[in-house]
Amino acid sequence: MAHLDATHPKEPIPGWRIFRSDQGRLWATRERPYNETAEKAGAWRTVDADDEPGLCRAIAEQESVAEMGPVTAT
């Protein structure tokens, strides 16, 4: 991810809107809700982090959770 200015990233993450709070914390919210399966798996639509690498990791984690789907007992 490129350097973020006060409110907007220079290189957006497709499907996510990134912003900085008044306190300087980075937040991202997914533009489209996850489907029901992804939500049941625990995918969160909004994440936050202290810095850019942390925000990228948080987004990647949520996309990974959504792709895996719910864990079922066997």
PDB file of N, CA and C in Angstrom:
ATOM      1  N   MET A   1       0.848  -1.167   0.000  1.00  0.00           N
ATOM      2  CA  MET A   1       0.000   0.000   0.000  1.00  0.00           C
ATOM      3  C   MET A   1       0.891   1.227   0.000  1.00  0.00           C
ATOM      4  N   ALA A   2       0.556   2.201  -0.781  1.00  0.00           N
ATOM      5  CA  ALA A   2       1.322   3.436  -0.841  1.00  0.00           C
ATOM      6  C   ALA A   2       1.043   4.287   0.387  1.00  0.00           C
ATOM      7  N   HIS A   3       1.816   5.359   0.536  1.00  0.00           N
ATOM      8  CA  HIS A   3       1.633   6.282   1.657  1.00  0.00           C
ATOM      9  C   HIS A   3       0.217   6.854   1.659  1.00  0.00           C
ATOM     10  N   LEU A   4      -0.382   6.931   2.839  1.00  0.00           N
ATOM     11  CA  LEU A   4      -1.714   7.514   2.977  1.00  0.00           C
ATOM     12  C   LEU A   4      -1.577   8.963   3.401  1.00  0.00           C
ATOM     13  N   ASP A   5      -2.338   9.851   2.779  1.00  0.00           N
ATOM     14  CA  ASP A   5      -2.363  11.215   3.275  1.00  0.00           C
ATOM     15  C   ASP A   5      -3.374  11.279   4.414  1.00  0.00           C
ATOM     16  N   ALA A   6      -3.828  12.432   4.771  1.00  0.00           N
ATOM     17  CA  ALA A   6      -4.707  12.582   5.938  1.00  0.00           C
ATOM     18  C   ALA A   6      -6.000  11.797   5.815  1.00  0.00           C
ATOM     19  N   THR A   7      -6.511  11.624   4.594  1.00  0.00           N
ATOM     20  CA  THR A   7      -7.808  10.972   4.474  1.00  0.00           C
ATOM     21  C   THR A   7      -7.882   9.882   3.425  1.00  0.00           C
ATOM     22  N   HIS A   8      -7.053   9.910   2.404  1.00  0.00           N
ATOM     23  CA  HIS A   8      -7.220   8.991   1.279  1.00  0.00           C
ATOM     24  C   HIS A   8      -5.912   8.303   0.904  1.00  0.00           C
ATOM     25  N   PRO A   9      -5.983   7.028   0.531  1.00  0.00           N
ATOM     26  CA  PRO A   9      -4.774   6.342   0.075  1.00  0.00           C
ATOM     27  C   PRO A   9      -4.399   6.783  -1.331  1.00  0.00           C
ATOM     28  N   LYS A  10      -3.126   6.700  -1.651  1.00  0.00           N
ATOM     29  CA  LYS A  10      -2.688   6.999  -3.017  1.00  0.00           C
ATOM     30  C   LYS A  10      -2.999   5.816  -3.930  1.00  0.00           C
ATOM     31  N   GLU A  11      -2.942   4.593  -3.393  1.00  0.00           N
ATOM     32  CA  GLU A  11      -3.277   3.385  -4.143  1.00  0.00           C
ATOM     33  C   GLU A  11      -4.344   2.631  -3.357  1.00  0.00           C
ATOM     34  N   PRO A  12      -5.594   2.728  -3.772  1.00  0.00           N
ATOM     35  CA  PRO A  12      -6.652   2.056  -3.012  1.00  0.00           C
ATOM     36  C   PRO A  12      -6.560   0.537  -3.094  1.00  0.00           C
ATOM     37  N   ILE A  13      -7.119  -0.121  -2.118  1.00  0.00           N
ATOM     38  CA  ILE A  13      -7.241  -1.571  -2.128  1.00  0.00           C
ATOM     39  C   ILE A  13      -8.597  -1.868  -2.750  1.00  0.00           C
ATOM     40  N   PRO A  14      -8.640  -2.570  -3.871  1.00  0.00           N
ATOM     41  CA  PRO A  14      -9.906  -2.806  -4.556  1.00  0.00           C
ATOM     42  C   PRO A  14     -10.970  -3.386  -3.615  1.00  0.00           C
ATOM     43  N   GLY A  15     -12.142  -2.765  -3.650  1.00  0.00           N
ATOM     44  CA  GLY A  15     -13.269  -3.232  -2.859  1.00  0.00           C
ATOM     45  C   GLY A  15     -13.317  -2.702  -1.435  1.00  0.00           C
ATOM     46  N   TRP A  16     -12.319  -1.927  -1.037  1.00  0.00           N
ATOM     47  CA  TRP A  16     -12.249  -1.388   0.317  1.00  0.00           C
ATOM     48  C   TRP A  16     -12.083   0.130   0.279  1.00  0.00           C
ATOM     49  N   ARG A  17     -12.731   0.815   1.215  1.00  0.00           N
ATOM     50  CA  ARG A  17     -12.552   2.254   1.389  1.00  0.00           C
ATOM     51  C   ARG A  17     -11.703   2.465   2.637  1.00  0.00           C
ATOM     52  N   ILE A  18     -10.642   3.214   2.493  1.00  0.00           N
ATOM     53  CA  ILE A  18      -9.698   3.432   3.589  1.00  0.00           C
ATOM     54  C   ILE A  18      -9.783   4.891   4.032  1.00  0.00           C
ATOM     55  N   PHE A  19      -9.757   5.076   5.334  1.00  0.00           N
ATOM     56  CA  PHE A  19      -9.784   6.430   5.872  1.00  0.00           C
ATOM     57  C   PHE A  19      -9.023   6.481   7.180  1.00  0.00           C
ATOM     58  N   ARG A  20      -8.700   7.680   7.589  1.00  0.00           N
ATOM     59  CA  ARG A  20      -7.971   7.901   8.836  1.00  0.00           C
ATOM     60  C   ARG A  20      -8.891   8.641   9.794  1.00  0.00           C
ATOM     61  N   SER A  21      -8.950   8.174  11.029  1.00  0.00           N
ATOM     62  CA  SER A  21      -9.793   8.826  12.040  1.00  0.00           C
ATOM     63  C   SER A  21      -9.160  10.144  12.480  1.00  0.00           C
ATOM     64  N   ASP A  22      -9.921  10.928  13.210  1.00  0.00           N
ATOM     65  CA  ASP A  22      -9.401  12.181  13.756  1.00  0.00           C
ATOM     66  C   ASP A  22      -8.223  11.939  14.697  1.00  0.00           C
ATOM     67  N   GLN A  23      -8.162  10.741  15.266  1.00  0.00           N
ATOM     68  CA  GLN A  23      -7.077  10.379  16.180  1.00  0.00           C
ATOM     69  C   GLN A  23      -5.876   9.770  15.461  1.00  0.00           C
ATOM     70  N   GLY A  24      -5.980   9.635  14.122  1.00  0.00           N
ATOM     71  CA  GLY A  24      -4.863   9.129  13.325  1.00  0.00           C
ATOM     72  C   GLY A  24      -4.871   7.633  13.073  1.00  0.00           C
ATOM     73  N   ARG A  25      -5.869   6.932  13.568  1.00  0.00           N
ATOM     74  CA  ARG A  25      -5.952   5.475  13.361  1.00  0.00           C
ATOM     75  C   ARG A  25      -6.491   5.203  11.955  1.00  0.00           C
ATOM     76  N   LEU A  26      -5.966   4.167  11.312  1.00  0.00           N
ATOM     77  CA  LEU A  26      -6.423   3.791   9.980  1.00  0.00           C
ATOM     78  C   LEU A  26      -7.587   2.815  10.080  1.00  0.00           C
ATOM     79  N   TRP A  27      -8.564   3.020   9.239  1.00  0.00           N
ATOM     80  CA  TRP A  27      -9.751   2.165   9.171  1.00  0.00           C
ATOM     81  C   TRP A  27     -10.002   1.823   7.711  1.00  0.00           C
ATOM     82  N   ALA A  28     -10.620   0.666   7.495  1.00  0.00           N
ATOM     83  CA  ALA A  28     -11.043   0.269   6.152  1.00  0.00           C
ATOM     84  C   ALA A  28     -12.397  -0.405   6.279  1.00  0.00           C
ATOM     85  N   THR A  29     -13.264  -0.115   5.348  1.00  0.00           N
ATOM     86  CA  THR A  29     -14.557  -0.783   5.316  1.00  0.00           C
ATOM     87  C   THR A  29     -14.774  -1.339   3.922  1.00  0.00           C
ATOM     88  N   ARG A  30     -15.295  -2.530   3.875  1.00  0.00           N
ATOM     89  CA  ARG A  30     -15.533  -3.208   2.602  1.00  0.00           C
ATOM     90  C   ARG A  30     -16.718  -2.539   1.910  1.00  0.00           C
ATOM     91  N   GLU A  31     -16.586  -2.258   0.626  1.00  0.00           N
ATOM     92  CA  GLU A  31     -17.635  -1.558  -0.108  1.00  0.00           C
ATOM     93  C   GLU A  31     -18.903  -2.387  -0.249  1.00  0.00           C
ATOM     94  N   ARG A  32     -18.761  -3.688  -0.327  1.00  0.00           N
ATOM     95  CA  ARG A  32     -19.922  -4.584  -0.434  1.00  0.00           C
ATOM     96  C   ARG A  32     -19.921  -5.519   0.764  1.00  0.00           C
ATOM     97  N   PRO A  33     -21.086  -5.795   1.311  1.00  0.00           N
ATOM     98  CA  PRO A  33     -21.133  -6.742   2.426  1.00  0.00           C
ATOM     99  C   PRO A  33     -20.662  -8.127   1.968  1.00  0.00           C
ATOM    100  N   TYR A  34     -20.128  -8.872   2.911  1.00  0.00           N
ATOM    101  CA  TYR A  34     -19.821 -10.272   2.634  1.00  0.00           C
ATOM    102  C   TYR A  34     -21.137 -11.036   2.534  1.00  0.00           C
ATOM    103  N   ASN A  35     -21.092 -12.188   1.882  1.00  0.00           N
ATOM    104  CA  ASN A  35     -22.295 -13.011   1.828  1.00  0.00           C
ATOM    105  C   ASN A  35     -22.512 -13.664   3.197  1.00  0.00           C
ATOM    106  N   GLU A  36     -23.654 -14.292   3.347  1.00  0.00           N
ATOM    107  CA  GLU A  36     -24.032 -14.874   4.639  1.00  0.00           C
ATOM    108  C   GLU A  36     -23.033 -15.927   5.117  1.00  0.00           C
ATOM    109  N   THR A  37     -22.524 -16.726   4.188  1.00  0.00           N
ATOM    110  CA  THR A  37     -21.549 -17.759   4.545  1.00  0.00           C
ATOM    111  C   THR A  37     -20.286 -17.132   5.125  1.00  0.00           C
ATOM    112  N   ALA A  38     -19.798 -16.087   4.490  1.00  0.00           N
ATOM    113  CA  ALA A  38     -18.595 -15.405   4.973  1.00  0.00           C
ATOM    114  C   ALA A  38     -18.839 -14.772   6.335  1.00  0.00           C
ATOM    115  N   GLU A  39     -20.002 -14.171   6.520  1.00  0.00           N
ATOM    116  CA  GLU A  39     -20.321 -13.563   7.807  1.00  0.00           C
ATOM    117  C   GLU A  39     -20.392 -14.614   8.907  1.00  0.00           C
ATOM    118  N   LYS A  40     -20.974 -15.772   8.594  1.00  0.00           N
ATOM    119  CA  LYS A  40     -21.033 -16.857   9.573  1.00  0.00           C
ATOM    120  C   LYS A  40     -19.639 -17.371   9.906  1.00  0.00           C
ATOM    121  N   ALA A  41     -18.727 -17.274   8.956  1.00  0.00           N
ATOM    122  CA  ALA A  41     -17.349 -17.698   9.186  1.00  0.00           C
ATOM    123  C   ALA A  41     -16.590 -16.696  10.052  1.00  0.00           C
ATOM    124  N   GLY A  42     -17.166 -15.503  10.216  1.00  0.00           N
ATOM    125  CA  GLY A  42     -16.537 -14.500  11.066  1.00  0.00           C
ATOM    126  C   GLY A  42     -15.851 -13.369  10.331  1.00  0.00           C
ATOM    127  N   ALA A  43     -16.111 -13.209   9.032  1.00  0.00           N
ATOM    128  CA  ALA A  43     -15.503 -12.116   8.274  1.00  0.00           C
ATOM    129  C   ALA A  43     -16.115 -10.787   8.709  1.00  0.00           C
ATOM    130  N   TRP A  44     -15.257  -9.828   9.011  1.00  0.00           N
ATOM    131  CA  TRP A  44     -15.699  -8.497   9.422  1.00  0.00           C
ATOM    132  C   TRP A  44     -15.586  -7.544   8.256  1.00  0.00           C
ATOM    133  N   ARG A  45     -16.575  -6.691   8.112  1.00  0.00           N
ATOM    134  CA  ARG A  45     -16.603  -5.747   6.998  1.00  0.00           C
ATOM    135  C   ARG A  45     -15.765  -4.492   7.278  1.00  0.00           C
ATOM    136  N   THR A  46     -15.519  -4.190   8.531  1.00  0.00           N
ATOM    137  CA  THR A  46     -14.739  -3.009   8.900  1.00  0.00           C
ATOM    138  C   THR A  46     -13.600  -3.426   9.813  1.00  0.00           C
ATOM    139  N   VAL A  47     -12.399  -2.938   9.507  1.00  0.00           N
ATOM    140  CA  VAL A  47     -11.210  -3.259  10.292  1.00  0.00           C
ATOM    141  C   VAL A  47     -10.415  -1.996  10.568  1.00  0.00           C
ATOM    142  N   ASP A  48      -9.512  -2.056  11.539  1.00  0.00           N
ATOM    143  CA  ASP A  48      -8.670  -0.907  11.845  1.00  0.00           C
ATOM    144  C   ASP A  48      -7.277  -1.380  12.230  1.00  0.00           C
ATOM    145  N   ALA A  49      -6.336  -0.445  12.202  1.00  0.00           N
ATOM    146  CA  ALA A  49      -4.946  -0.759  12.543  1.00  0.00           C
ATOM    147  C   ALA A  49      -4.198   0.530  12.850  1.00  0.00           C
ATOM    148  N   ASP A  50      -3.033   0.359  13.481  1.00  0.00           N
ATOM    149  CA  ASP A  50      -2.193   1.512  13.816  1.00  0.00           C
ATOM    150  C   ASP A  50      -1.427   2.062  12.618  1.00  0.00           C
ATOM    151  N   ASP A  51      -1.144   1.171  11.642  1.00  0.00           N
ATOM    152  CA  ASP A  51      -0.314   1.595  10.518  1.00  0.00           C
ATOM    153  C   ASP A  51      -0.742   0.884   9.233  1.00  0.00           C
ATOM    154  N   GLU A  52      -0.135   1.287   8.123  1.00  0.00           N
ATOM    155  CA  GLU A  52      -0.501   0.736   6.815  1.00  0.00           C
ATOM    156  C   GLU A  52      -0.278  -0.771   6.710  1.00  0.00           C
ATOM    157  N   PRO A  53       0.884  -1.296   7.115  1.00  0.00           N
ATOM    158  CA  PRO A  53       1.065  -2.747   7.026  1.00  0.00           C
ATOM    159  C   PRO A  53       0.029  -3.508   7.870  1.00  0.00           C
ATOM    160  N   GLY A  54      -0.281  -2.981   9.030  1.00  0.00           N
ATOM    161  CA  GLY A  54      -1.281  -3.624   9.883  1.00  0.00           C
ATOM    162  C   GLY A  54      -2.655  -3.619   9.256  1.00  0.00           C
ATOM    163  N   LEU A  55      -2.992  -2.532   8.595  1.00  0.00           N
ATOM    164  CA  LEU A  55      -4.293  -2.452   7.930  1.00  0.00           C
ATOM    165  C   LEU A  55      -4.354  -3.440   6.765  1.00  0.00           C
ATOM    166  N   CYS A  56      -3.293  -3.538   6.007  1.00  0.00           N
ATOM    167  CA  CYS A  56      -3.246  -4.507   4.901  1.00  0.00           C
ATOM    168  C   CYS A  56      -3.397  -5.927   5.427  1.00  0.00           C
ATOM    169  N   ARG A  57      -2.729  -6.240   6.546  1.00  0.00           N
ATOM    170  CA  ARG A  57      -2.864  -7.576   7.145  1.00  0.00           C
ATOM    171  C   ARG A  57      -4.297  -7.826   7.599  1.00  0.00           C
ATOM    172  N   ALA A  58      -4.917  -6.825   8.232  1.00  0.00           N
ATOM    173  CA  ALA A  58      -6.291  -6.988   8.715  1.00  0.00           C
ATOM    174  C   ALA A  58      -7.255  -7.244   7.562  1.00  0.00           C
ATOM    175  N   ILE A  59      -7.083  -6.532   6.473  1.00  0.00           N
ATOM    176  CA  ILE A  59      -7.936  -6.740   5.302  1.00  0.00           C
ATOM    177  C   ILE A  59      -7.706  -8.134   4.726  1.00  0.00           C
ATOM    178  N   ALA A  60      -6.448  -8.519   4.583  1.00  0.00           N
ATOM    179  CA  ALA A  60      -6.128  -9.839   4.036  1.00  0.00           C
ATOM    180  C   ALA A  60      -6.704 -10.952   4.917  1.00  0.00           C
ATOM    181  N   GLU A  61      -6.639 -10.772   6.226  1.00  0.00           N
ATOM    182  CA  GLU A  61      -7.203 -11.773   7.137  1.00  0.00           C
ATOM    183  C   GLU A  61      -8.707 -11.928   6.921  1.00  0.00           C
ATOM    184  N   GLN A  62      -9.413 -10.819   6.773  1.00  0.00           N
ATOM    185  CA  GLN A  62     -10.858 -10.901   6.591  1.00  0.00           C
ATOM    186  C   GLN A  62     -11.219 -11.540   5.256  1.00  0.00           C
ATOM    187  N   GLU A  63     -10.487 -11.207   4.214  1.00  0.00           N
ATOM    188  CA  GLU A  63     -10.744 -11.830   2.914  1.00  0.00           C
ATOM    189  C   GLU A  63     -10.459 -13.326   2.982  1.00  0.00           C
ATOM    190  N   SER A  64      -9.430 -13.718   3.725  1.00  0.00           N
ATOM    191  CA  SER A  64      -9.105 -15.130   3.880  1.00  0.00           C
ATOM    192  C   SER A  64     -10.209 -15.861   4.642  1.00  0.00           C
ATOM    193  N   VAL A  65     -10.703 -15.266   5.712  1.00  0.00           N
ATOM    194  CA  VAL A  65     -11.797 -15.869   6.481  1.00  0.00           C
ATOM    195  C   VAL A  65     -13.010 -16.051   5.577  1.00  0.00           C
ATOM    196  N   ALA A  66     -13.305 -15.031   4.784  1.00  0.00           N
ATOM    197  CA  ALA A  66     -14.478 -15.103   3.890  1.00  0.00           C
ATOM    198  C   ALA A  66     -14.324 -16.207   2.854  1.00  0.00           C
ATOM    199  N   GLU A  67     -13.126 -16.404   2.345  1.00  0.00           N
ATOM    200  CA  GLU A  67     -12.887 -17.444   1.334  1.00  0.00           C
ATOM    201  C   GLU A  67     -12.984 -18.850   1.924  1.00  0.00           C
ATOM    202  N   MET A  68     -12.567 -19.008   3.179  1.00  0.00           N
ATOM    203  CA  MET A  68     -12.581 -20.340   3.802  1.00  0.00           C
ATOM    204  C   MET A  68     -13.984 -20.791   4.171  1.00  0.00           C
ATOM    205  N   GLY A  69     -14.846 -19.864   4.520  1.00  0.00           N
ATOM    206  CA  GLY A  69     -16.200 -20.247   4.933  1.00  0.00           C
ATOM    207  C   GLY A  69     -16.207 -20.768   6.348  1.00  0.00           C
ATOM    208  N   PRO A  70     -17.396 -21.111   6.841  1.00  0.00           N
ATOM    209  CA  PRO A  70     -17.497 -21.561   8.227  1.00  0.00           C
ATOM    210  C   PRO A  70     -16.812 -22.900   8.454  1.00  0.00           C
ATOM    211  N   VAL A  71     -16.269 -23.042   9.620  1.00  0.00           N
ATOM    212  CA  VAL A  71     -15.639 -24.301  10.018  1.00  0.00           C
ATOM    213  C   VAL A  71     -16.743 -25.216  10.544  1.00  0.00           C
ATOM    214  N   THR A  72     -16.770 -26.438  10.041  1.00  0.00           N
ATOM    215  CA  THR A  72     -17.780 -27.392  10.483  1.00  0.00           C
ATOM    216  C   THR A  72     -17.118 -28.562  11.174  1.00  0.00           C
ATOM    217  N   ALA A  73     -17.771 -29.064  12.197  1.00  0.00           N
ATOM    218  CA  ALA A  73     -17.233 -30.212  12.928  1.00  0.00           C
ATOM    219  C   ALA A  73     -17.489 -31.484  12.113  1.00  0.00           C
ATOM    220  N   THR A  74     -16.532 -32.405  12.169  1.00  0.00           N
ATOM    221  CA  THR A  74     -16.704 -33.678  11.451  1.00  0.00           C
ATOM    222  C   THR A  74     -16.781 -34.827  12.429  1.00  0.00           C
TER     223      THR A  74
END
